[in-house]
N, C-alpha and C. Protein backbone atom coordinates (compact mmCIF):
# COMPACT_ATOMS: atom_id res chain seq x y z
N UNK A 1 0.84 -1.17 0.00
CA UNK A 1 0.00 0.00 0.00
C UNK A 1 0.89 1.23 0.00
N UNK A 2 0.44 2.24 -0.72
CA UNK A 2 1.06 3.55 -0.65
C UNK A 2 -0.10 4.51 -0.38
N UNK A 3 -0.20 4.93 0.88
CA UNK A 3 -1.39 5.68 1.29
C UNK A 3 -2.59 4.76 1.20
N UNK A 4 -3.60 5.19 0.43
CA UNK A 4 -4.81 4.40 0.24
C UNK A 4 -4.80 3.57 -1.04
N UNK A 5 -3.70 3.61 -1.77
CA UNK A 5 -3.63 2.93 -3.07
C UNK A 5 -2.83 1.63 -2.97
N UNK A 6 -3.43 0.54 -3.43
CA UNK A 6 -2.74 -0.74 -3.50
C UNK A 6 -1.79 -0.69 -4.68
N UNK A 7 -0.49 -0.80 -4.41
CA UNK A 7 0.50 -0.66 -5.48
C UNK A 7 1.14 -1.98 -5.88
N UNK A 8 0.89 -3.03 -5.11
CA UNK A 8 1.44 -4.32 -5.48
C UNK A 8 1.12 -5.34 -4.42
N UNK A 9 1.31 -6.59 -4.78
CA UNK A 9 1.05 -7.64 -3.82
C UNK A 9 1.19 -9.00 -4.44
N UNK A 10 0.70 -9.97 -3.71
CA UNK A 10 0.68 -11.34 -4.19
C UNK A 10 -0.49 -12.04 -3.53
N UNK A 11 -0.88 -13.14 -4.11
CA UNK A 11 -1.93 -13.92 -3.48
C UNK A 11 -1.64 -15.40 -3.69
N UNK A 12 -2.23 -16.20 -2.84
CA UNK A 12 -2.05 -17.63 -2.90
C UNK A 12 -2.88 -18.30 -1.84
N UNK A 13 -2.51 -19.52 -1.51
CA UNK A 13 -3.26 -20.33 -0.56
C UNK A 13 -2.30 -20.83 0.52
N UNK A 14 -2.71 -20.69 1.77
CA UNK A 14 -1.92 -21.24 2.87
C UNK A 14 -2.55 -22.55 3.30
N UNK A 15 -1.71 -23.58 3.43
CA UNK A 15 -2.13 -24.87 3.96
C UNK A 15 -1.14 -25.23 5.05
N UNK A 16 -1.56 -25.13 6.31
CA UNK A 16 -0.66 -25.42 7.41
C UNK A 16 0.55 -24.51 7.36
N UNK A 17 1.74 -25.11 7.27
CA UNK A 17 2.97 -24.31 7.27
C UNK A 17 3.52 -24.07 5.86
N UNK A 18 2.66 -24.19 4.85
CA UNK A 18 3.06 -23.95 3.46
C UNK A 18 2.17 -22.87 2.86
N UNK A 19 2.79 -21.91 2.19
CA UNK A 19 2.05 -20.91 1.41
C UNK A 19 2.36 -21.17 -0.05
N UNK A 20 1.35 -21.43 -0.85
CA UNK A 20 1.51 -21.65 -2.28
C UNK A 20 1.13 -20.37 -3.01
N UNK A 21 2.15 -19.68 -3.51
CA UNK A 21 1.91 -18.43 -4.23
C UNK A 21 1.28 -18.71 -5.58
N UNK A 22 0.29 -17.92 -5.93
CA UNK A 22 -0.39 -18.09 -7.21
C UNK A 22 0.04 -17.02 -8.20
N UNK A 23 0.08 -15.78 -7.74
CA UNK A 23 0.41 -14.69 -8.66
C UNK A 23 0.89 -13.48 -7.89
N UNK A 24 1.72 -12.68 -8.56
CA UNK A 24 2.20 -11.42 -8.01
C UNK A 24 1.79 -10.31 -8.98
N UNK A 25 1.60 -9.10 -8.45
CA UNK A 25 1.23 -7.99 -9.31
C UNK A 25 1.84 -6.71 -8.77
N UNK A 26 1.99 -5.73 -9.64
CA UNK A 26 2.50 -4.43 -9.20
C UNK A 26 2.00 -3.32 -10.12
N UNK A 27 1.78 -2.16 -9.53
CA UNK A 27 1.47 -0.93 -10.25
C UNK A 27 2.63 0.05 -10.14
N UNK A 28 3.55 -0.23 -9.23
CA UNK A 28 4.75 0.56 -9.00
C UNK A 28 5.92 -0.40 -9.03
N UNK A 29 7.01 -0.02 -9.65
CA UNK A 29 8.19 -0.86 -9.77
C UNK A 29 8.61 -1.44 -8.41
N UNK A 30 8.89 -2.73 -8.39
CA UNK A 30 9.36 -3.48 -7.22
C UNK A 30 8.31 -3.71 -6.14
N UNK A 31 7.09 -3.26 -6.32
CA UNK A 31 6.07 -3.42 -5.27
C UNK A 31 5.76 -4.89 -5.00
N UNK A 32 5.76 -5.74 -6.03
CA UNK A 32 5.49 -7.16 -5.78
C UNK A 32 6.65 -7.80 -5.03
N UNK A 33 7.86 -7.31 -5.25
CA UNK A 33 9.02 -7.82 -4.52
C UNK A 33 8.93 -7.43 -3.05
N UNK A 34 8.44 -6.23 -2.78
CA UNK A 34 8.22 -5.81 -1.40
C UNK A 34 7.21 -6.74 -0.75
N UNK A 35 6.16 -7.09 -1.48
CA UNK A 35 5.13 -7.99 -0.93
C UNK A 35 5.72 -9.36 -0.62
N UNK A 36 6.55 -9.89 -1.50
CA UNK A 36 7.16 -11.19 -1.26
C UNK A 36 8.10 -11.14 -0.06
N UNK A 37 8.86 -10.07 0.04
CA UNK A 37 9.76 -9.91 1.19
C UNK A 37 8.95 -9.79 2.49
N UNK A 38 7.87 -9.02 2.46
CA UNK A 38 7.01 -8.89 3.64
C UNK A 38 6.40 -10.24 4.01
N UNK A 39 5.98 -11.00 3.00
CA UNK A 39 5.43 -12.33 3.26
C UNK A 39 6.47 -13.23 3.92
N UNK A 40 7.71 -13.16 3.45
CA UNK A 40 8.74 -14.03 4.04
C UNK A 40 9.02 -13.67 5.50
N UNK A 41 9.01 -12.38 5.82
CA UNK A 41 9.19 -11.95 7.21
C UNK A 41 8.01 -12.45 8.05
N UNK A 42 6.81 -12.26 7.54
CA UNK A 42 5.60 -12.69 8.24
C UNK A 42 5.59 -14.21 8.41
N UNK A 43 5.93 -14.93 7.35
CA UNK A 43 5.95 -16.40 7.40
C UNK A 43 6.90 -16.89 8.47
N UNK A 44 8.05 -16.28 8.53
CA UNK A 44 9.03 -16.66 9.55
C UNK A 44 8.49 -16.39 10.96
N UNK A 45 7.82 -15.26 11.13
CA UNK A 45 7.30 -14.87 12.44
C UNK A 45 6.21 -15.82 12.95
N UNK A 46 5.44 -16.42 12.04
CA UNK A 46 4.35 -17.31 12.47
C UNK A 46 4.71 -18.79 12.37
N UNK A 47 5.94 -19.08 11.96
CA UNK A 47 6.38 -20.47 11.90
C UNK A 47 6.11 -21.19 10.60
N UNK A 48 5.80 -20.43 9.55
CA UNK A 48 5.58 -21.05 8.26
C UNK A 48 6.93 -21.52 7.72
N UNK A 49 6.96 -22.68 7.10
CA UNK A 49 8.23 -23.29 6.68
C UNK A 49 8.53 -23.15 5.19
N UNK A 50 7.50 -23.10 4.35
CA UNK A 50 7.72 -23.12 2.90
C UNK A 50 6.83 -22.09 2.22
N UNK A 51 7.43 -21.32 1.32
CA UNK A 51 6.68 -20.48 0.39
C UNK A 51 6.94 -21.07 -1.00
N UNK A 52 5.92 -21.65 -1.58
CA UNK A 52 6.03 -22.27 -2.90
C UNK A 52 5.85 -21.19 -3.96
N UNK A 53 6.93 -20.88 -4.66
CA UNK A 53 6.89 -19.84 -5.70
C UNK A 53 6.64 -20.42 -7.08
N UNK A 54 6.46 -21.71 -7.17
CA UNK A 54 6.12 -22.46 -8.37
C UNK A 54 7.24 -22.54 -9.40
N UNK A 55 7.73 -21.42 -9.88
CA UNK A 55 8.71 -21.43 -10.97
C UNK A 55 10.02 -20.83 -10.49
N UNK A 56 11.10 -21.62 -10.50
CA UNK A 56 12.39 -21.08 -10.06
C UNK A 56 12.90 -20.00 -11.02
N UNK A 57 13.57 -19.03 -10.46
CA UNK A 57 14.17 -17.98 -11.30
C UNK A 57 15.44 -17.49 -10.61
N UNK A 58 16.32 -16.88 -11.39
CA UNK A 58 17.54 -16.31 -10.82
C UNK A 58 17.19 -15.24 -9.79
N UNK A 59 16.14 -14.46 -10.08
CA UNK A 59 15.74 -13.40 -9.16
C UNK A 59 15.34 -13.98 -7.80
N UNK A 60 14.50 -15.02 -7.80
CA UNK A 60 14.08 -15.63 -6.54
C UNK A 60 15.28 -16.25 -5.82
N UNK A 61 16.19 -16.83 -6.58
CA UNK A 61 17.40 -17.41 -5.98
C UNK A 61 18.22 -16.32 -5.28
N UNK A 62 18.34 -15.14 -5.89
CA UNK A 62 19.06 -14.04 -5.27
C UNK A 62 18.37 -13.57 -3.99
N UNK A 63 17.05 -13.77 -3.91
CA UNK A 63 16.31 -13.39 -2.71
C UNK A 63 16.35 -14.48 -1.64
N UNK A 64 17.03 -15.58 -1.93
CA UNK A 64 17.19 -16.63 -0.93
C UNK A 64 16.40 -17.90 -1.19
N UNK A 65 15.66 -17.95 -2.30
CA UNK A 65 14.86 -19.14 -2.59
C UNK A 65 15.76 -20.33 -2.90
N UNK A 66 15.28 -21.48 -2.52
CA UNK A 66 15.98 -22.73 -2.82
C UNK A 66 15.02 -23.66 -3.55
N UNK A 67 15.55 -24.35 -4.55
CA UNK A 67 14.71 -25.28 -5.30
C UNK A 67 14.46 -26.52 -4.46
N UNK A 68 13.21 -26.90 -4.37
CA UNK A 68 12.81 -28.11 -3.67
C UNK A 68 12.26 -29.06 -4.73
N UNK A 69 12.88 -30.20 -4.85
CA UNK A 69 12.44 -31.15 -5.88
C UNK A 69 11.02 -31.63 -5.58
N UNK A 70 10.32 -31.95 -6.64
CA UNK A 70 8.90 -32.32 -6.55
C UNK A 70 8.64 -33.42 -5.52
N UNK A 71 9.43 -34.48 -5.54
CA UNK A 71 9.20 -35.59 -4.60
C UNK A 71 9.38 -35.14 -3.16
N UNK A 72 10.37 -34.30 -2.90
CA UNK A 72 10.58 -33.78 -1.54
C UNK A 72 9.40 -32.92 -1.12
N UNK A 73 8.89 -32.10 -2.05
CA UNK A 73 7.72 -31.26 -1.75
C UNK A 73 6.50 -32.13 -1.45
N UNK A 74 6.27 -33.14 -2.28
CA UNK A 74 5.12 -34.03 -2.08
C UNK A 74 5.24 -34.82 -0.78
N UNK A 75 6.45 -35.18 -0.38
CA UNK A 75 6.66 -35.85 0.90
C UNK A 75 6.38 -34.91 2.07
N UNK A 76 6.79 -33.64 1.92
CA UNK A 76 6.64 -32.66 3.00
C UNK A 76 5.19 -32.20 3.17
N UNK A 77 4.47 -32.05 2.08
CA UNK A 77 3.13 -31.45 2.10
C UNK A 77 2.18 -32.08 3.12
N UNK A 78 2.00 -33.40 3.15
CA UNK A 78 1.06 -33.96 4.14
C UNK A 78 1.48 -33.68 5.59
N UNK A 79 2.76 -33.57 5.84
CA UNK A 79 3.26 -33.30 7.21
C UNK A 79 3.03 -31.84 7.61
N UNK A 80 2.80 -30.99 6.64
CA UNK A 80 2.69 -29.55 6.90
C UNK A 80 1.27 -29.07 7.12
N UNK A 81 0.30 -29.96 7.02
CA UNK A 81 -1.10 -29.52 7.00
C UNK A 81 -1.68 -29.17 8.36
N UNK A 82 -0.99 -29.45 9.45
CA UNK A 82 -1.49 -29.05 10.76
C UNK A 82 -1.44 -27.53 10.88
N UNK A 83 -2.46 -26.93 11.47
CA UNK A 83 -2.44 -25.48 11.65
C UNK A 83 -1.23 -25.05 12.47
N UNK A 84 -0.62 -23.92 12.09
CA UNK A 84 0.55 -23.47 12.82
C UNK A 84 0.20 -22.52 13.95
N UNK A 85 -0.96 -21.86 13.87
CA UNK A 85 -1.42 -21.00 14.96
C UNK A 85 -2.94 -21.05 14.99
N UNK A 86 -3.49 -21.24 16.16
CA UNK A 86 -4.95 -21.24 16.29
C UNK A 86 -5.48 -19.84 16.11
N UNK A 87 -6.60 -19.71 15.46
CA UNK A 87 -7.27 -18.43 15.24
C UNK A 87 -6.35 -17.38 14.60
N UNK A 88 -5.48 -17.84 13.72
CA UNK A 88 -4.54 -16.94 13.09
C UNK A 88 -5.23 -16.00 12.10
N UNK A 89 -4.90 -14.75 12.20
CA UNK A 89 -5.35 -13.75 11.24
C UNK A 89 -4.14 -13.28 10.46
N UNK A 90 -4.32 -13.01 9.20
CA UNK A 90 -3.23 -12.47 8.41
C UNK A 90 -3.15 -10.98 8.69
N UNK A 91 -2.37 -10.63 9.69
CA UNK A 91 -2.24 -9.24 10.10
C UNK A 91 -0.76 -8.89 10.19
N UNK A 92 -0.26 -8.17 9.20
CA UNK A 92 1.16 -7.84 9.14
C UNK A 92 1.53 -6.72 10.11
N UNK A 93 0.59 -5.87 10.46
CA UNK A 93 0.90 -4.66 11.23
C UNK A 93 1.65 -4.92 12.53
N UNK A 94 1.22 -5.85 13.38
CA UNK A 94 1.95 -6.05 14.64
C UNK A 94 3.41 -6.46 14.42
N UNK A 95 3.67 -7.26 13.41
CA UNK A 95 5.03 -7.71 13.15
C UNK A 95 5.92 -6.55 12.75
N UNK A 96 5.43 -5.71 11.86
CA UNK A 96 6.27 -4.61 11.39
C UNK A 96 6.31 -3.45 12.37
N UNK A 97 5.22 -3.15 13.07
CA UNK A 97 5.26 -2.04 14.01
C UNK A 97 6.10 -2.37 15.24
N UNK A 98 6.15 -3.64 15.62
CA UNK A 98 7.00 -4.05 16.74
C UNK A 98 8.47 -3.81 16.41
N UNK A 99 8.83 -4.02 15.16
CA UNK A 99 10.22 -3.87 14.74
C UNK A 99 10.52 -2.46 14.21
N UNK A 100 9.55 -1.56 14.27
CA UNK A 100 9.71 -0.18 13.78
C UNK A 100 10.17 -0.15 12.32
N UNK A 101 9.65 -1.05 11.53
CA UNK A 101 10.02 -1.07 10.12
C UNK A 101 8.78 -1.37 9.29
N UNK A 102 8.74 -0.81 8.12
CA UNK A 102 7.66 -1.08 7.19
C UNK A 102 8.20 -1.99 6.08
N UNK A 103 7.32 -2.67 5.35
CA UNK A 103 7.81 -3.48 4.24
C UNK A 103 8.64 -2.65 3.24
N UNK A 104 8.25 -1.40 2.98
CA UNK A 104 9.00 -0.58 2.03
C UNK A 104 10.40 -0.26 2.56
N UNK A 105 10.53 0.06 3.83
CA UNK A 105 11.86 0.31 4.42
C UNK A 105 12.70 -0.96 4.35
N UNK A 106 12.06 -2.09 4.61
CA UNK A 106 12.76 -3.36 4.54
C UNK A 106 13.29 -3.60 3.13
N UNK A 107 12.45 -3.33 2.12
CA UNK A 107 12.87 -3.51 0.73
C UNK A 107 14.03 -2.57 0.40
N UNK A 108 13.97 -1.33 0.83
CA UNK A 108 15.05 -0.39 0.54
C UNK A 108 16.38 -0.87 1.11
N UNK A 109 16.34 -1.52 2.26
CA UNK A 109 17.56 -2.07 2.84
C UNK A 109 18.00 -3.33 2.08
N UNK A 110 17.03 -4.13 1.65
CA UNK A 110 17.31 -5.43 1.05
C UNK A 110 17.71 -5.35 -0.41
N UNK A 111 17.17 -4.41 -1.17
CA UNK A 111 17.34 -4.42 -2.63
C UNK A 111 18.78 -4.22 -3.08
N UNK A 112 19.62 -3.69 -2.25
CA UNK A 112 21.01 -3.54 -2.64
C UNK A 112 21.70 -4.90 -2.83
N UNK A 113 21.12 -5.95 -2.24
CA UNK A 113 21.72 -7.28 -2.35
C UNK A 113 21.15 -8.12 -3.47
N UNK A 114 20.08 -7.65 -4.13
CA UNK A 114 19.45 -8.42 -5.21
C UNK A 114 19.64 -7.79 -6.56
């Protein structure tokens, strides 16, 4: 978000400790990357183990992604289906306000490495 305008994001499905990303979008350059970075911080904070990005790319690899072979993913998936937090709401605000950082500030610090 930039003010009241949605400038980028991603969507997908969470199953237990796995988030399967479906699509990313942006109206401002790098906004979808900010969303992915924010998701990874959030996922780590709630104990999520895997973000499935579907298609490997050099860009995702530079952001820390690792290729998981299909058989390993299929073996892991049934073990990951237990809920990781009861009554969990997707609320990024407490995570970022506790750390005094916004997703955009995080991206500005991170983008020099990608």
